[in-house]
Protein backbone atom coordinates (compact mmCIF):
# COMPACT_ATOMS: atom_id res chain seq x y z
CA SER A 1 102.35 116.77 107.78
CA GLU A 2 105.24 117.06 105.31
CA ARG A 3 107.66 116.45 108.18
CA LEU A 4 106.21 113.01 108.92
CA PRO A 5 107.41 111.38 105.68
CA ARG A 6 110.80 113.01 106.29
CA ILE A 7 110.99 111.39 109.73
CA LEU A 8 110.38 107.99 108.12
CA GLN A 9 112.94 108.68 105.39
CA ASP A 10 115.56 109.67 107.96
CA THR A 11 114.78 106.52 109.96
CA GLU A 12 115.07 104.41 106.83
CA LEU A 13 118.45 105.98 105.98
CA ALA A 14 119.76 105.45 109.51
CA LEU A 15 118.67 101.79 109.47
CA ALA A 16 120.16 101.25 106.01
CA GLN A 17 123.52 102.51 107.27
CA VAL A 18 123.62 100.00 110.14
CA PRO A 19 126.17 97.29 109.32
CA HIS A 20 124.71 93.88 108.49
CA ASP A 21 124.22 91.82 111.61
CA LYS A 22 125.80 88.38 111.80
CA ASP A 23 122.64 87.02 113.38
CA PRO A 24 120.36 86.21 110.42
CA ARG A 25 117.23 86.71 112.54
CA ILE A 26 118.20 90.25 113.52
CA GLU A 27 119.24 91.06 109.96
CA ALA A 28 115.89 89.76 108.67
CA GLN A 29 114.08 92.01 111.19
CA ARG A 30 116.08 94.99 110.01
CA GLN A 31 115.30 94.27 106.34
CA SER A 32 111.62 93.75 107.16
CA SER A 33 111.57 97.06 109.04
CA LEU A 34 113.13 98.82 106.06
CA ARG A 35 110.41 97.46 103.77
CA SER A 36 107.69 98.37 106.23
CA ILE A 37 108.94 101.94 106.55
CA GLY A 38 109.21 102.34 102.79
CA GLY A 39 105.68 101.09 102.19
CA GLY A 40 104.03 102.58 105.25
CA VAL A 41 104.46 106.32 104.78
CA GLN A 42 100.84 107.04 103.87
CA ALA A 43 99.37 104.85 106.62
CA PHE A 44 101.77 106.29 109.20
CA THR A 45 100.88 109.87 108.25
CA ARG A 46 97.14 109.17 108.10
CA ILE A 47 97.07 107.47 111.52
CA PHE A 48 99.25 110.13 113.14
CA LEU A 49 97.04 112.98 111.92
CA ALA A 50 93.86 111.08 112.81
CA GLN A 51 95.13 110.62 116.36
CA LEU A 52 95.90 114.34 116.69
CA GLU A 53 92.43 115.10 115.37
CA ALA A 54 90.99 112.68 117.92
CA SER A 55 92.84 114.52 120.69
CA LEU A 56 90.81 117.58 119.78
CA THR A 57 87.57 115.71 120.45
CA SER A 58 88.51 115.79 124.12
CA LEU A 59 87.32 119.39 124.08
CA ARG A 60 83.75 118.12 124.07
CA PRO A 61 82.41 117.01 127.42
CA THR A 62 82.03 113.25 127.59
CA PRO A 63 78.82 111.80 129.01
CA ARG A 64 79.27 110.14 132.38
CA GLN A 65 79.23 106.38 132.24
CA PRO A 66 77.45 104.47 135.00
CA GLU A 67 79.87 103.15 137.57
CA ALA A 68 81.01 99.64 136.74
CA SER A 69 79.81 96.96 139.10
CA LYS A 70 82.30 95.52 141.49
CA HIS A 71 83.52 91.98 140.81
CA GLU A 72 81.37 90.55 143.56
CA ASP A 73 79.39 88.43 141.11
CA GLY A 74 82.02 85.72 141.06
CA GLN A 75 83.75 86.72 137.82
CA ILE A 76 87.28 85.45 137.52
CA LEU A 77 89.90 88.07 136.82
CA THR A 78 92.82 86.99 134.67
CA LEU A 79 96.38 88.19 134.89
CA ALA A 80 98.79 88.47 131.99
CA LEU A 81 102.47 89.18 131.61
CA LEU A 82 103.31 92.60 130.29
CA ASP A 83 105.11 93.04 127.01
CA ASP A 84 108.55 94.42 127.91
CA ASP A 85 109.01 96.07 124.50
CA HIS A 86 105.67 97.86 124.80
CA ASP A 87 106.51 99.00 128.33
CA ASN A 88 109.90 100.28 127.17
CA ASP A 89 108.26 102.20 124.32
CA THR A 90 105.75 103.69 126.74
CA ILE A 91 108.53 104.82 129.06
CA LEU A 92 110.51 106.27 126.14
CA LEU A 93 107.45 108.15 124.85
CA ASP A 94 106.57 109.46 128.31
CA ASN A 95 110.14 110.69 128.77
CA LEU A 96 110.08 112.29 125.31
CA ALA A 97 106.77 114.04 126.07
CA SER A 98 108.12 115.22 129.40
CA ARG A 99 111.27 116.68 127.79
CA ILE A 100 109.27 118.41 125.05
CA GLU A 101 106.81 119.72 127.64
CA SER A 102 109.56 121.13 129.84
CA ARG A 103 111.18 122.92 126.89
CA ASN A 104 107.88 124.50 125.87
CA SER A 105 106.12 124.95 129.20
CA LEU A 106 104.94 128.55 128.74
CA GLU A 107 103.51 128.00 125.25
CA LEU A 108 101.83 124.76 126.38
CA GLN A 109 100.37 126.50 129.42
CA LEU A 110 98.94 129.23 127.19
CA LEU A 111 97.54 126.62 124.81
CA GLY A 112 95.99 124.75 127.73
CA HIS A 113 94.23 127.93 128.87
CA ARG A 114 92.98 128.63 125.36
CA PHE A 115 91.57 125.12 124.99
CA GLY A 116 90.01 125.44 128.44
CA VAL A 117 88.21 128.60 127.35
CA LEU A 118 87.03 126.93 124.15
CA ALA A 119 85.72 123.94 126.10
CA GLY A 120 84.23 126.03 128.90
CA ALA A 121 86.38 124.10 131.34
CA PRO A 122 89.49 124.62 133.45
CA ALA A 123 92.80 124.83 131.60
CA PHE A 124 93.96 121.59 130.01
CA GLU A 125 97.25 120.29 131.35
CA GLY A 126 99.84 117.71 130.40
CA GLU A 127 98.36 114.44 129.23
CA ARG A 128 94.89 115.92 128.64
CA LEU A 129 96.06 118.82 126.45
CA PRO A 130 94.96 118.41 122.84
CA LEU A 131 97.93 119.00 120.56
CA GLY A 132 100.22 118.87 123.58
CA ALA A 133 103.44 116.88 123.80
CA TYR A 134 101.65 113.82 125.20
CA ALA A 135 99.06 113.96 122.42
CA PHE A 136 101.87 114.03 119.84
CA CYS A 137 103.62 111.08 121.49
CA HIS A 138 100.37 109.11 121.70
CA ALA A 139 99.75 109.80 118.01
CA LEU A 140 103.29 108.63 117.25
CA SER A 141 102.77 105.43 119.23
CA GLU A 142 99.58 104.60 117.33
CA ALA A 143 101.16 105.40 113.96
CA VAL A 144 104.27 103.31 114.72
CA ASP A 145 102.08 100.36 115.71
CA ALA A 146 100.73 100.35 112.14
CA LEU A 147 104.24 99.57 110.87
CA SER A 148 105.91 96.21 111.42
CA LEU A 149 109.14 97.41 112.98
CA SER A 150 111.85 95.74 114.99
CA GLN A 151 112.61 97.21 118.38
CA GLN A 152 115.78 98.79 116.94
CA ALA A 153 113.77 100.43 114.15
CA ARG A 154 111.12 101.68 116.60
CA ARG A 155 113.80 103.32 118.74
CA GLN A 156 115.43 104.87 115.69
CA LEU A 157 112.05 106.27 114.64
CA LEU A 158 111.49 107.73 118.12
CA PHE A 159 114.92 109.34 117.96
CA GLN A 160 114.18 110.89 114.56
CA PHE A 161 110.76 112.07 115.75
CA GLU A 162 112.28 113.79 118.79
CA ARG A 163 114.95 115.44 116.67
CA VAL A 164 112.32 116.94 114.36
CA LEU A 165 109.88 117.79 117.14
CA VAL A 166 112.49 119.67 119.19
CA ASP A 167 113.13 121.98 116.23
CA PHE A 168 109.58 122.30 114.91
CA TYR A 169 107.29 122.14 117.94
CA PRO A 170 107.99 125.63 119.41
CA GLU A 171 107.05 127.22 116.08
CA LEU A 172 103.96 125.02 115.84
CA LEU A 173 102.88 125.97 119.38
CA ALA A 174 103.31 129.66 118.56
CA ARG A 175 101.02 129.19 115.54
CA PHE A 176 98.44 127.31 117.62
CA ASN A 177 98.46 130.07 120.21
CA ALA A 178 98.20 132.81 117.59
């Protein structure tokens, strides 16, 4: 958890070193992002850790929900345009999780088997693995949403997160497996 504030500090430093933009709107977004990062360390850390904790609740079997009724009752379905920035973040996070997963495949496989034994279920894989790469990226996404960041600041934060995770995650996985 001490690495999370460091990720935000590194992001803040990187954004502060970006030359002032001539477009006042973009510059205002950058300044707002800097303030949000500076004041959001505790919330970011709390949300991130809460999301990781929530990923562990997936070990418990979930009660089956009754099948939803088909839309034959005349309900009108609505369509909405997707948010391009959100989609881009999702793609970036999925790619990050995939890269982290491929670099740590053996340790993640072992962890998945251990969680499967604990849950009395088959081995957990990929997106379902508590404390796996996808769980970390989901936690990051939720924590970043709590900050008011420009798209540039969000990408910088993802970059800093990946840099730290690449170095720290193998050691963390070894501890989880031990």
